Amino acid sequence: MLTILAKQTKWFFMLMLLAGCGKTEERIYQPEIGTVSGSPIVEYVVGIHPLHNPQRLMALYGPIVDYMNSNMPDASFKLEASRNYEEFEKKLYAGHFAFAMPNPYQTVKSVGHGYRIFGKMGDDEVFRGIILVRRDSGIHEVTDLKGRAVAYPAATALAATMLPQYYLHTHGIDVVRDIDNRYVGSQESSIMNVLRGDVAAGATWPVPWKAFSAENPSLASQLVVKWQTESLPNNGWVVRRDIPLPVADKFARLLFALQESESGRLILEQLPISHFEPANDETYRPVREFLTLFSKTVRPVE
């Protein structure tokens, strides 16, 4: 009887061991989505700051990521949009993105969070702020905005917020005390707030205003660009410092050569810009100087 019980116990433990081994193998095994020469393809997340709402941003910048995927089969790139500037900045400063196109303020700040600057948008002359009012607003001078509300995308938007606020400051407005500053989340929201009459004026920059005007000519005709600011170096491109140099270099080469092919020119035309170009820390020295001046005279940036 004891012998039979011992044998049953032995077989019971053997079955348990086999079952455990099966579960371990099932838990460890993970199918590889794609490989190159037997090596797993690494996915790199690409982030673009919210210069448009998420849907429009994906439509405009998705083709760039598709282009990278087509021309870099040994890597995989995924575009990720953010709902607003705050969400994008949290991801950027946490090192979530492998590659990112921040605004110039975020570009210089990202250097302290594990990134290096390698490129930027061309066409610096369009990186300026514009201030919109309704044609029927009766606003003629900057000082007519005293006591009224002004919309901006976000407090950390450089072209669409800081440059316009500096312009207002140099034309007789105490930005902190004289007006009601409303940060409404996106370029399109800033435009729409003016259109609806929720604010007396709204700030943005030429690229989204041009896109809005092309898609909504009757609505855009109700607004006028009342003032525009000086320009600064355009939006940057940064890469996380731990990304392999061959991957970063090839990404950069493809990005800077988009204008040399018909398909690349079509991508750029939709943004719309003429090209991307190399850049480094020194490229953004004017931005750092402006941020210092802005913080001293208008309001703290941080």
Protein backbone atom coordinates (compact mmCIF):
# COMPACT_ATOMS: atom_id res chain seq x y z
CA MET A 1 0.00 0.00 0.00
CA LEU A 2 2.79 2.40 0.93
CA THR A 3 4.62 1.50 -2.29
CA ILE A 4 1.55 2.28 -4.39
CA LEU A 5 1.05 5.59 -2.52
CA ALA A 6 4.70 6.52 -3.04
CA LYS A 7 4.45 5.81 -6.76
CA GLN A 8 1.26 7.88 -7.04
CA THR A 9 2.94 10.73 -5.18
CA LYS A 10 6.00 10.50 -7.47
CA TRP A 11 3.84 10.66 -10.60
CA PHE A 12 1.83 13.56 -9.14
CA PHE A 13 4.97 15.68 -8.63
CA MET A 14 6.29 14.76 -12.08
CA LEU A 15 3.03 15.89 -13.68
CA MET A 16 3.14 19.14 -11.69
CA LEU A 17 6.74 19.73 -12.79
CA LEU A 18 5.87 19.15 -16.45
CA ALA A 19 2.87 21.45 -16.20
CA GLY A 20 5.04 24.11 -14.60
CA CYS A 21 7.62 23.82 -17.38
CA GLY A 22 4.91 24.24 -20.01
CA LYS A 23 3.64 27.40 -18.35
CA THR A 24 7.16 28.80 -18.07
CA GLU A 25 7.82 28.25 -21.76
CA GLU A 26 4.49 29.87 -22.68
CA ARG A 27 5.24 32.87 -20.47
CA ILE A 28 8.75 33.44 -21.83
CA TYR A 29 8.03 32.99 -25.53
CA GLN A 30 7.28 36.24 -27.34
CA PRO A 31 6.89 36.23 -31.13
CA GLU A 32 9.03 38.81 -32.92
CA ILE A 33 7.03 41.18 -35.09
CA GLY A 34 9.91 41.75 -37.46
CA THR A 35 13.59 40.92 -37.77
CA VAL A 36 16.54 41.87 -39.92
CA SER A 37 19.21 39.19 -40.32
CA GLY A 38 17.82 37.44 -37.26
CA SER A 39 17.97 40.56 -35.04
CA PRO A 40 14.79 42.17 -33.63
CA ILE A 41 13.80 45.52 -35.15
CA VAL A 42 13.96 48.30 -32.56
CA GLU A 43 11.01 50.73 -32.47
CA TYR A 44 11.79 54.44 -32.04
CA VAL A 45 9.07 56.84 -30.91
CA VAL A 46 9.00 60.18 -32.74
CA GLY A 47 7.31 63.14 -31.05
CA ILE A 48 6.21 66.43 -32.63
CA HIS A 49 5.22 69.31 -30.37
CA PRO A 50 1.55 70.37 -30.64
CA LEU A 51 1.84 72.94 -33.40
CA HIS A 52 -1.50 71.46 -34.58
CA ASN A 53 -4.25 69.46 -32.93
CA PRO A 54 -3.40 65.72 -32.69
CA GLN A 55 -5.46 64.66 -35.72
CA ARG A 56 -3.96 67.26 -38.04
CA LEU A 57 -0.46 66.69 -36.67
CA MET A 58 -0.70 62.95 -37.42
CA ALA A 59 -1.94 63.69 -40.95
CA LEU A 60 0.89 66.16 -41.69
CA TYR A 61 3.84 64.47 -39.98
CA GLY A 62 2.82 60.84 -40.39
CA PRO A 63 4.24 60.81 -43.95
CA ILE A 64 7.70 61.74 -42.59
CA VAL A 65 7.64 58.72 -40.28
CA ASP A 66 6.34 56.53 -43.12
CA TYR A 67 9.24 57.79 -45.24
CA MET A 68 11.74 56.83 -42.54
CA ASN A 69 10.20 53.37 -42.23
CA SER A 70 10.43 52.87 -46.00
CA ASN A 71 14.06 53.93 -46.16
CA MET A 72 15.35 52.44 -42.90
CA PRO A 73 14.21 48.78 -42.93
CA ASP A 74 16.54 47.95 -40.04
CA ALA A 75 14.52 50.19 -37.70
CA SER A 76 10.89 51.00 -36.97
CA PHE A 77 9.52 54.48 -36.28
CA LYS A 78 6.23 55.38 -34.61
CA LEU A 79 4.74 58.88 -34.54
CA GLU A 80 3.12 59.92 -31.27
CA ALA A 81 1.02 63.06 -30.91
CA SER A 82 0.30 64.84 -27.62
CA ARG A 83 -2.93 66.51 -26.57
CA ASN A 84 -1.25 69.72 -25.45
CA TYR A 85 2.10 71.34 -24.70
CA GLU A 86 2.15 70.15 -21.10
CA GLU A 87 1.75 66.50 -22.09
CA PHE A 88 4.39 66.78 -24.80
CA GLU A 89 6.89 68.42 -22.45
CA LYS A 90 6.39 65.75 -19.78
CA LYS A 91 7.18 63.04 -22.34
CA LEU A 92 10.13 64.95 -23.78
CA TYR A 93 11.79 65.76 -20.47
CA ALA A 94 11.26 62.17 -19.28
CA GLY A 95 13.16 60.89 -22.33
CA HIS A 96 10.10 59.14 -23.80
CA PHE A 97 10.87 60.15 -27.39
CA ALA A 98 13.83 58.80 -29.34
CA PHE A 99 13.51 61.63 -31.89
CA ALA A 100 11.49 64.79 -31.39
CA MET A 101 10.70 68.10 -33.05
CA PRO A 102 10.17 70.52 -30.14
CA ASN A 103 9.64 74.24 -30.39
CA PRO A 104 12.83 76.32 -29.88
CA TYR A 105 12.21 76.83 -26.16
CA GLN A 106 11.69 73.09 -25.65
CA THR A 107 14.67 72.41 -27.91
CA VAL A 108 17.16 74.31 -25.75
CA LYS A 109 15.63 72.91 -22.56
CA SER A 110 15.75 69.30 -23.84
CA VAL A 111 19.56 69.43 -23.90
CA GLY A 112 19.46 69.19 -20.11
CA HIS A 113 17.22 66.12 -20.31
CA GLY A 114 19.38 63.74 -22.31
CA TYR A 115 18.95 65.04 -25.86
CA ARG A 116 21.25 66.64 -28.42
CA ILE A 117 20.22 69.08 -31.14
CA PHE A 118 20.92 67.82 -34.66
CA GLY A 119 18.53 69.70 -36.95
CA LYS A 120 15.71 72.17 -37.38
CA MET A 121 13.01 73.40 -39.71
CA GLY A 122 14.20 75.76 -42.41
CA ASP A 123 12.46 79.02 -43.30
CA ASP A 124 13.30 80.93 -40.12
CA GLU A 125 11.50 83.99 -41.49
CA VAL A 126 8.13 82.30 -40.77
CA PHE A 127 9.00 81.58 -37.15
CA ARG A 128 7.38 84.71 -35.80
CA GLY A 129 4.26 85.51 -33.84
CA ILE A 130 1.13 87.02 -35.34
CA ILE A 131 -1.75 88.60 -33.44
CA LEU A 132 -5.24 88.25 -34.91
CA VAL A 133 -8.34 90.34 -34.27
CA ARG A 134 -11.80 90.34 -35.81
CA ARG A 135 -12.22 92.81 -38.65
CA ASP A 136 -15.19 94.31 -36.82
CA SER A 137 -13.38 94.48 -33.46
CA GLY A 138 -12.69 98.21 -33.45
CA ILE A 139 -9.17 97.48 -32.17
CA HIS A 140 -6.60 99.82 -33.73
CA GLU A 141 -3.78 100.25 -31.22
CA VAL A 142 -2.07 97.67 -29.01
CA THR A 143 -3.21 99.60 -25.95
CA ASP A 144 -6.84 98.99 -27.02
CA LEU A 145 -6.34 95.48 -25.59
CA LYS A 146 -6.01 96.76 -22.01
CA GLY A 147 -8.59 95.13 -19.77
CA ARG A 148 -9.47 92.52 -22.40
CA ALA A 149 -8.67 88.84 -23.03
CA VAL A 150 -5.99 87.50 -25.37
CA ALA A 151 -5.69 83.83 -26.38
CA TYR A 152 -2.49 81.82 -26.90
CA PRO A 153 -1.85 78.09 -27.46
CA ALA A 154 0.29 77.57 -24.33
CA ALA A 155 2.52 79.48 -21.93
CA THR A 156 5.60 77.74 -23.36
CA ALA A 157 4.78 78.29 -27.05
CA LEU A 158 7.59 80.50 -28.30
CA ALA A 159 6.41 81.89 -31.65
CA ALA A 160 2.71 81.93 -30.76
CA THR A 161 2.93 83.11 -27.14
CA MET A 162 6.25 84.47 -25.92
CA LEU A 163 7.06 86.51 -29.02
CA PRO A 164 3.56 88.08 -29.12
CA GLN A 165 3.68 88.80 -25.37
CA TYR A 166 7.06 90.47 -25.79
CA TYR A 167 5.60 92.51 -28.66
CA LEU A 168 2.70 93.62 -26.45
CA HIS A 169 5.16 94.46 -23.67
CA THR A 170 7.23 96.69 -25.97
CA HIS A 171 4.07 98.46 -27.17
CA GLY A 172 2.66 99.58 -23.84
CA ILE A 173 1.01 96.51 -22.32
CA ASP A 174 1.90 95.04 -18.93
CA VAL A 175 1.22 91.45 -19.89
CA VAL A 176 0.76 90.25 -16.31
CA ARG A 177 -1.56 93.05 -15.13
CA ASP A 178 -3.20 94.76 -18.11
CA ILE A 179 -4.78 91.81 -19.97
CA ASP A 180 -6.45 88.45 -19.32
CA ASN A 181 -4.05 85.84 -20.76
CA ARG A 182 -5.85 82.65 -21.81
CA TYR A 183 -3.83 79.56 -22.75
CA VAL A 184 -6.27 77.53 -24.84
CA GLY A 185 -4.25 74.44 -25.79
CA SER A 186 -3.59 74.64 -29.54
CA GLN A 187 -3.00 77.00 -32.44
CA GLU A 188 -6.42 76.24 -33.90
CA SER A 189 -8.10 76.93 -30.56
CA SER A 190 -6.40 80.31 -30.34
CA ILE A 191 -7.70 81.23 -33.79
CA MET A 192 -11.22 79.98 -33.04
CA ASN A 193 -11.39 81.91 -29.77
CA VAL A 194 -10.92 85.14 -31.73
CA LEU A 195 -13.38 84.08 -34.39
CA ARG A 196 -16.10 83.34 -31.82
CA GLY A 197 -15.47 86.62 -30.02
CA ASP A 198 -14.46 84.90 -26.79
CA VAL A 199 -11.29 87.03 -26.73
CA ALA A 200 -10.34 90.38 -28.19
CA ALA A 201 -7.22 89.00 -29.86
CA GLY A 202 -5.47 85.69 -30.39
CA ALA A 203 -1.85 84.82 -31.05
CA THR A 204 -0.52 82.12 -33.35
CA TRP A 205 2.22 81.86 -36.00
CA PRO A 206 2.10 81.91 -39.83
CA VAL A 207 2.10 78.14 -40.53
CA PRO A 208 -1.18 77.21 -38.78
CA TRP A 209 -2.76 80.51 -39.83
CA LYS A 210 -1.93 79.76 -43.48
CA ALA A 211 -3.38 76.26 -43.15
CA PHE A 212 -6.54 77.54 -41.45
CA SER A 213 -7.01 80.22 -44.12
CA ALA A 214 -6.63 77.70 -46.95
CA GLU A 215 -9.17 75.30 -45.44
CA ASN A 216 -11.63 77.90 -44.09
CA PRO A 217 -11.41 80.97 -46.34
CA SER A 218 -14.81 82.39 -45.36
CA LEU A 219 -14.03 82.15 -41.66
CA ALA A 220 -10.49 83.47 -42.09
CA SER A 221 -11.83 86.48 -43.98
CA GLN A 222 -13.51 87.61 -40.74
CA LEU A 223 -10.09 87.98 -39.10
CA VAL A 224 -7.06 90.14 -39.81
CA VAL A 225 -3.41 89.85 -38.87
CA LYS A 226 -3.13 93.05 -36.88
CA TRP A 227 0.48 92.78 -35.72
CA GLN A 228 3.48 90.50 -36.25
CA THR A 229 6.70 90.02 -34.32
CA GLU A 230 10.35 89.60 -35.19
CA SER A 231 11.55 86.06 -36.02
CA LEU A 232 13.79 83.51 -34.29
CA PRO A 233 15.36 80.18 -35.36
CA ASN A 234 12.64 77.72 -36.27
CA ASN A 235 11.53 74.51 -34.51
CA GLY A 236 14.35 72.10 -33.73
CA TRP A 237 15.02 68.38 -34.13
CA VAL A 238 16.60 66.52 -31.22
CA VAL A 239 17.66 62.92 -30.64
CA ARG A 240 18.10 61.12 -27.34
CA ARG A 241 21.80 60.66 -26.61
CA ASP A 242 21.56 56.89 -26.19
CA ILE A 243 20.21 56.30 -29.71
CA PRO A 244 22.86 54.50 -31.83
CA LEU A 245 24.80 57.01 -33.92
CA PRO A 246 24.26 55.14 -37.25
CA VAL A 247 20.49 55.30 -36.70
CA ALA A 248 20.55 58.98 -35.72
CA ASP A 249 22.81 59.90 -38.65
CA LYS A 250 20.71 58.08 -41.24
CA PHE A 251 17.51 59.64 -39.88
CA ALA A 252 19.14 63.07 -40.18
CA ARG A 253 20.44 62.46 -43.72
CA LEU A 254 16.99 61.38 -44.93
CA LEU A 255 15.32 64.32 -43.21
CA PHE A 256 17.70 66.89 -44.69
CA ALA A 257 17.34 65.43 -48.20
CA LEU A 258 13.54 65.41 -48.43
CA GLN A 259 13.49 68.34 -50.86
CA GLU A 260 15.67 66.37 -53.31
CA SER A 261 12.91 63.89 -54.29
CA GLU A 262 9.41 64.40 -55.61
CA SER A 263 7.85 62.38 -52.80
CA GLY A 264 9.87 64.34 -50.23
CA ARG A 265 8.84 67.68 -51.72
CA LEU A 266 5.20 66.64 -51.49
CA ILE A 267 5.66 65.89 -47.80
CA LEU A 268 7.29 69.27 -47.18
CA GLU A 269 4.63 71.09 -49.19
CA GLN A 270 1.93 69.86 -46.84
CA LEU A 271 3.67 71.20 -43.71
CA PRO A 272 4.36 73.71 -45.41
CA ILE A 273 8.12 74.37 -45.34
CA SER A 274 10.86 74.23 -47.95
CA HIS A 275 13.31 71.96 -46.08
CA PHE A 276 14.85 70.75 -42.83
CA GLU A 277 18.50 71.58 -42.13
CA PRO A 278 21.37 70.71 -39.74
CA ALA A 279 21.58 72.59 -36.43
CA ASN A 280 23.38 72.45 -33.09
CA ASP A 281 23.49 74.23 -29.73
CA GLU A 282 25.03 77.37 -31.23
CA THR A 283 22.16 77.65 -33.73
CA TYR A 284 19.84 78.35 -30.81
CA ARG A 285 21.94 80.97 -29.07
CA PRO A 286 19.49 83.75 -30.16
CA VAL A 287 16.68 81.74 -28.58
CA ARG A 288 18.50 81.46 -25.26
CA GLU A 289 19.22 85.21 -25.33
CA PHE A 290 15.57 86.00 -26.04
CA LEU A 291 14.38 83.71 -23.23
CA THR A 292 16.67 85.51 -20.79
CA LEU A 293 15.35 88.91 -21.92
CA PHE A 294 11.73 87.72 -21.85
CA SER A 295 12.07 86.33 -18.33
CA LYS A 296 13.54 89.59 -17.06
CA THR A 297 11.08 91.97 -18.71
CA VAL A 298 7.77 90.19 -19.32
CA ARG A 299 7.23 87.19 -17.03
CA PRO A 300 9.22 84.19 -15.79
CA VAL A 301 9.39 81.45 -18.42
CA GLU A 302 9.38 78.59 -15.92
